[in-house]
C-alpha atoms as a PDB file:
ATOM      1  CA  MET A   1      -5.592   3.196 -18.639  1.00  0.00           C
ATOM      2  CA  VAL A   2      -1.701   2.478 -17.759  1.00  0.00           C
ATOM      3  CA  GLU A   3      -1.142   1.615 -14.390  1.00  0.00           C
ATOM      4  CA  THR A   4       1.228   4.050 -12.449  1.00  0.00           C
ATOM      5  CA  ARG A   5       1.586   3.025  -9.038  1.00  0.00           C
ATOM      6  CA  ILE A   6       5.298   2.233  -7.749  1.00  0.00           C
ATOM      7  CA  ALA A   7       3.588  -1.004  -5.730  1.00  0.00           C
ATOM      8  CA  PRO A   8       1.103  -3.337  -6.538  1.00  0.00           C
ATOM      9  CA  ARG A   9      -1.994  -2.624  -4.769  1.00  0.00           C
ATOM     10  CA  HIS A  10      -4.253  -5.141  -2.739  1.00  0.00           C
ATOM     11  CA  ARG A  11      -7.959  -5.017  -2.065  1.00  0.00           C
ATOM     12  CA  VAL A  12      -8.588  -5.627   1.514  1.00  0.00           C
ATOM     13  CA  MET A  13     -11.220  -4.994   3.904  1.00  0.00           C
ATOM     14  CA  LYS A  14      -9.616  -4.166   7.251  1.00  0.00           C
ATOM     15  CA  ALA A  15     -10.835  -2.158  10.555  1.00  0.00           C
ATOM     16  CA  ALA A  16      -8.201   0.469  11.047  1.00  0.00           C
ATOM     17  CA  LYS A  17      -7.975   3.829  13.319  1.00  0.00           C
ATOM     18  CA  ILE A  18      -6.826   7.280  12.136  1.00  0.00           C
ATOM     19  CA  GLU A  19      -4.653   8.245  15.092  1.00  0.00           C
ATOM     20  CA  ILE A  20      -4.833  12.087  15.986  1.00  0.00           C
ATOM     21  CA  GLY A  21      -2.575  13.215  18.907  1.00  0.00           C
ATOM     22  CA  ALA A  22      -4.400  11.587  21.710  1.00  0.00           C
ATOM     23  CA  GLY A  23      -7.741  10.409  19.806  1.00  0.00           C
ATOM     24  CA  ALA A  24      -8.735   8.152  16.923  1.00  0.00           C
ATOM     25  CA  ILE A  25     -10.890   8.295  14.160  1.00  0.00           C
ATOM     26  CA  ASP A  26     -12.497   4.859  13.200  1.00  0.00           C
ATOM     27  CA  CYS A  27     -12.301   3.840   9.374  1.00  0.00           C
ATOM     28  CA  THR A  28     -11.422   1.006   7.137  1.00  0.00           C
ATOM     29  CA  VAL A  29      -8.891   0.302   5.047  1.00  0.00           C
ATOM     30  CA  ARG A  30      -9.846  -0.795   1.348  1.00  0.00           C
ATOM     31  CA  ASP A  31      -6.443  -1.075  -0.591  1.00  0.00           C
ATOM     32  CA  LEU A  32      -3.190  -1.608   0.555  1.00  0.00           C
ATOM     33  CA  SER A  33       0.335  -1.560  -0.819  1.00  0.00           C
ATOM     34  CA  LEU A  34       4.056  -1.522   0.296  1.00  0.00           C
ATOM     35  CA  THR A  35       3.796   2.254  -0.090  1.00  0.00           C
ATOM     36  CA  GLY A  36       0.538   3.467   0.775  1.00  0.00           C
ATOM     37  CA  ALA A  37      -3.422   2.768   1.159  1.00  0.00           C
ATOM     38  CA  ALA A  38      -7.028   4.117   0.225  1.00  0.00           C
ATOM     39  CA  ILE A  39      -9.084   4.521   3.387  1.00  0.00           C
ATOM     40  CA  ALA A  40     -12.719   4.587   3.809  1.00  0.00           C
ATOM     41  CA  VAL A  41     -14.052   7.481   6.447  1.00  0.00           C
ATOM     42  CA  ALA A  42     -17.309   8.461   7.617  1.00  0.00           C
ATOM     43  CA  ASN A  43     -16.343  12.112   7.687  1.00  0.00           C
ATOM     44  CA  GLN A  44     -12.666  13.464   6.650  1.00  0.00           C
ATOM     45  CA  ALA A  45     -13.769  16.752   8.245  1.00  0.00           C
ATOM     46  CA  GLU A  46     -11.428  16.453  11.163  1.00  0.00           C
ATOM     47  CA  ILE A  47      -8.846  14.546   9.254  1.00  0.00           C
ATOM     48  CA  PRO A  48      -5.399  16.617   8.815  1.00  0.00           C
ATOM     49  CA  GLU A  49      -2.511  16.327   6.138  1.00  0.00           C
ATOM     50  CA  ARG A  50      -0.198  13.709   8.269  1.00  0.00           C
ATOM     51  CA  PHE A  51      -1.380  11.121  10.802  1.00  0.00           C
ATOM     52  CA  THR A  52      -0.838   7.476  11.687  1.00  0.00           C
ATOM     53  CA  LEU A  53      -2.848   4.685  10.399  1.00  0.00           C
ATOM     54  CA  ILE A  54      -3.251   2.088  12.926  1.00  0.00           C
ATOM     55  CA  ILE A  55      -4.120  -1.536  11.412  1.00  0.00           C
ATOM     56  CA  PRO A  56      -4.775  -3.474  15.239  1.00  0.00           C
ATOM     57  CA  ASP A  57      -5.031  -7.188  13.336  1.00  0.00           C
ATOM     58  CA  ASP A  58      -1.581  -6.661  11.203  1.00  0.00           C
ATOM     59  CA  GLY A  59      -0.025  -4.885  14.143  1.00  0.00           C
ATOM     60  CA  LEU A  60       0.698  -2.017  12.141  1.00  0.00           C
ATOM     61  CA  HIS A  61       1.114   1.314  12.912  1.00  0.00           C
ATOM     62  CA  LEU A  62       2.014   3.826   9.932  1.00  0.00           C
ATOM     63  CA  PRO A  63       2.812   7.560   9.853  1.00  0.00           C
ATOM     64  CA  CYS A  64       1.565   8.901   6.380  1.00  0.00           C
ATOM     65  CA  HIS A  65       0.302  11.808   4.736  1.00  0.00           C
ATOM     66  CA  VAL A  66      -2.637  12.407   2.336  1.00  0.00           C
ATOM     67  CA  VAL A  67      -2.115  12.828  -1.224  1.00  0.00           C
ATOM     68  CA  TRP A  68      -5.901  12.565  -2.510  1.00  0.00           C
ATOM     69  CA  ARG A  69      -9.193  13.025  -0.753  1.00  0.00           C
ATOM     70  CA  LYS A  70     -12.811  12.140  -2.154  1.00  0.00           C
ATOM     71  CA  GLU A  71     -15.984  12.293  -0.717  1.00  0.00           C
ATOM     72  CA  TYR A  72     -15.998   9.284   1.595  1.00  0.00           C
ATOM     73  CA  ARG A  73     -12.223   7.849   1.043  1.00  0.00           C
ATOM     74  CA  ILE A  74      -8.692   9.205   1.303  1.00  0.00           C
ATOM     75  CA  GLY A  75      -5.340   7.793  -0.440  1.00  0.00           C
ATOM     76  CA  VAL A  76      -2.349   7.866   2.025  1.00  0.00           C
ATOM     77  CA  ALA A  77       1.465   7.586   1.381  1.00  0.00           C
ATOM     78  CA  PHE A  78       3.651   6.019   3.825  1.00  0.00           C
ATOM     79  CA  ASP A  79       6.291   7.852   5.550  1.00  0.00           C
END
């Protein structure tokens, strides 16, 4: 299988939050690159197409949009 990503990804296990308006949903960042991330969520029903991904340990607030969805994972690209 040929790798087609723009930036190399790094496997991580970081606690994060999906910020939606005044609320937030807990999630876990599983893969991270300069251009996007794969995040694990318990339930993606309330997660919109655009949101801010907050990774507190790294002090990051990353606006992003969804590029793919699977049962408990979401792939995002950073805006």
